[in-house]
Amino acid sequence: MKRPNDGFTLVEVLLAMVLVGAALTVLAQGFTEGSRASVSAQGLTRAALAARSLLAEVEAGIRPHNRDEEGELEETPEMTYRIESEASEPAGMVQIRVSVLWTERGKGRGYALTRLLYRPREESR
């Protein structure tokens, strides 16, 4: 005869442990993917801000618009940049491409901005 307060059987305890273990595994994978996405988004955001800053310097005349340039970013040395310029039609237009490159989890990543600027040629005196 079974008593009402005997507790759980071994099978019930094992089944509960398997279910809890499976749920924890799914949660851990979710946290891992969320962390990876966060790191990736952070790198992309830093690259976008750096590219916009470099492009603004070209637009303001701080950096030359008529020659290519590359180097490391001062604020984030793990990222490199490249500024490329190319004459474009109609006359006086220059296409500026700013690329920011970095490595994330062993893979090369990049972000690029392209803009057309009007820079009339200086007349020779």
Protein backbone atom coordinates (compact mmCIF):
# COMPACT_ATOMS: atom_id res chain seq x y z
CA MET A 1 0.00 0.00 0.00
CA LYS A 2 1.33 3.40 -1.02
CA ARG A 3 1.49 6.24 1.45
CA PRO A 4 0.49 9.75 0.25
CA ASN A 5 3.72 11.50 1.42
CA ASP A 6 6.33 9.14 -0.02
CA GLY A 7 7.97 11.84 -2.24
CA PHE A 8 9.28 11.54 -5.79
CA THR A 9 10.48 8.37 -7.45
CA LEU A 10 13.99 8.07 -8.87
CA VAL A 11 12.62 8.18 -12.43
CA GLU A 12 10.79 11.44 -11.73
CA VAL A 13 13.91 13.03 -10.24
CA LEU A 14 16.07 11.94 -13.20
CA LEU A 15 13.50 13.22 -15.70
CA ALA A 16 13.36 16.59 -13.92
CA MET A 17 17.19 16.81 -13.97
CA VAL A 18 17.29 16.07 -17.72
CA LEU A 19 14.68 18.75 -18.42
CA VAL A 20 16.49 21.35 -16.30
CA GLY A 21 19.81 20.46 -17.96
CA ALA A 22 18.30 20.85 -21.45
CA ALA A 23 16.76 24.20 -20.53
CA LEU A 24 20.07 25.48 -19.10
CA THR A 25 21.90 24.40 -22.27
CA VAL A 26 19.49 26.38 -24.45
CA LEU A 27 19.82 29.43 -22.18
CA ALA A 28 23.63 29.23 -22.23
CA GLN A 29 23.63 29.11 -26.06
CA GLY A 30 21.38 32.16 -26.14
CA PHE A 31 23.71 34.10 -23.86
CA THR A 32 26.74 33.07 -25.94
CA GLU A 33 25.13 34.19 -29.20
CA GLY A 34 24.01 37.43 -27.59
CA SER A 35 27.54 38.12 -26.39
CA ARG A 36 28.99 37.47 -29.85
CA ALA A 37 26.43 39.74 -31.47
CA SER A 38 27.22 42.47 -28.94
CA VAL A 39 30.97 42.30 -29.63
CA SER A 40 30.33 42.36 -33.38
CA ALA A 41 27.99 45.34 -33.11
CA GLN A 42 30.48 47.20 -30.93
CA GLY A 43 33.26 46.71 -33.49
CA LEU A 44 31.01 47.80 -36.35
CA THR A 45 29.88 50.90 -34.44
CA ARG A 46 33.46 51.92 -33.65
CA ALA A 47 34.44 51.41 -37.30
CA ALA A 48 31.47 53.45 -38.55
CA LEU A 49 32.29 56.33 -36.19
CA ALA A 50 35.96 56.27 -37.20
CA ALA A 51 35.11 56.22 -40.92
CA ARG A 52 32.69 59.14 -40.53
CA SER A 53 35.29 61.08 -38.57
CA LEU A 54 37.96 60.50 -41.23
CA LEU A 55 35.55 61.47 -44.01
CA ALA A 56 34.63 64.65 -42.13
CA GLU A 57 38.35 65.51 -41.90
CA VAL A 58 38.67 65.11 -45.67
CA GLU A 59 35.57 67.25 -46.25
CA ALA A 60 36.90 69.95 -43.92
CA GLY A 61 40.29 70.00 -45.65
CA ILE A 62 42.20 68.65 -42.63
CA ARG A 63 43.24 65.63 -44.68
CA PRO A 64 44.09 65.96 -48.37
CA HIS A 65 41.41 64.88 -50.84
CA ASN A 66 43.76 64.34 -53.77
CA ARG A 67 45.96 61.46 -52.55
CA ASP A 68 45.52 58.05 -50.99
CA GLU A 69 46.42 57.49 -47.34
CA GLU A 70 46.42 54.59 -44.89
CA GLY A 71 47.43 53.87 -41.32
CA GLU A 72 46.33 52.81 -37.86
CA LEU A 73 43.59 54.63 -35.99
CA GLU A 74 44.98 56.49 -32.98
CA GLU A 75 42.00 55.80 -30.72
CA THR A 76 41.71 52.11 -31.67
CA PRO A 77 45.10 50.72 -32.77
CA GLU A 78 43.64 47.31 -33.65
CA MET A 79 41.82 49.02 -36.54
CA THR A 80 43.43 50.33 -39.70
CA TYR A 81 42.07 52.79 -42.23
CA ARG A 82 42.49 53.53 -45.91
CA ILE A 83 41.41 56.70 -47.70
CA GLU A 84 41.21 56.46 -51.48
CA SER A 85 40.37 59.30 -53.85
CA GLU A 86 39.52 59.20 -57.51
CA ALA A 87 38.56 61.96 -59.95
CA SER A 88 35.01 61.60 -61.14
CA GLU A 89 32.67 63.13 -63.71
CA PRO A 90 31.52 65.85 -63.98
CA ALA A 91 34.69 67.87 -63.71
CA GLY A 92 35.60 68.93 -60.22
CA MET A 93 34.02 65.93 -58.52
CA VAL A 94 36.20 63.62 -56.42
CA GLN A 95 35.05 60.24 -55.13
CA ILE A 96 36.38 59.61 -51.62
CA ARG A 97 36.26 56.10 -50.16
CA VAL A 98 37.13 55.60 -46.48
CA SER A 99 37.61 51.99 -45.35
CA VAL A 100 38.17 50.80 -41.79
CA LEU A 101 39.49 47.25 -41.34
CA TRP A 102 39.87 45.09 -38.23
CA THR A 103 40.03 41.45 -37.13
CA GLU A 104 37.27 39.92 -35.05
CA ARG A 105 37.50 36.32 -33.80
CA GLY A 106 40.13 35.55 -36.43
CA LYS A 107 38.11 36.91 -39.34
CA GLY A 108 38.81 40.09 -41.26
CA ARG A 109 36.00 42.65 -41.03
CA GLY A 110 35.56 45.96 -42.77
CA TYR A 111 33.37 49.02 -43.05
CA ALA A 112 33.48 51.51 -45.93
CA LEU A 113 31.95 54.90 -46.72
CA THR A 114 31.97 56.50 -50.17
CA ARG A 115 31.12 60.11 -50.91
CA LEU A 116 31.36 62.47 -53.88
CA LEU A 117 32.91 65.85 -53.12
CA TYR A 118 33.05 68.93 -55.29
CA ARG A 119 36.61 70.20 -55.42
CA PRO A 120 37.19 72.61 -58.31
CA ARG A 121 40.65 72.55 -59.80
CA GLU A 122 42.88 75.39 -58.80
CA GLU A 123 43.68 77.58 -61.78
CA SER A 124 47.35 77.99 -62.58
CA ARG A 125 48.66 81.53 -62.26
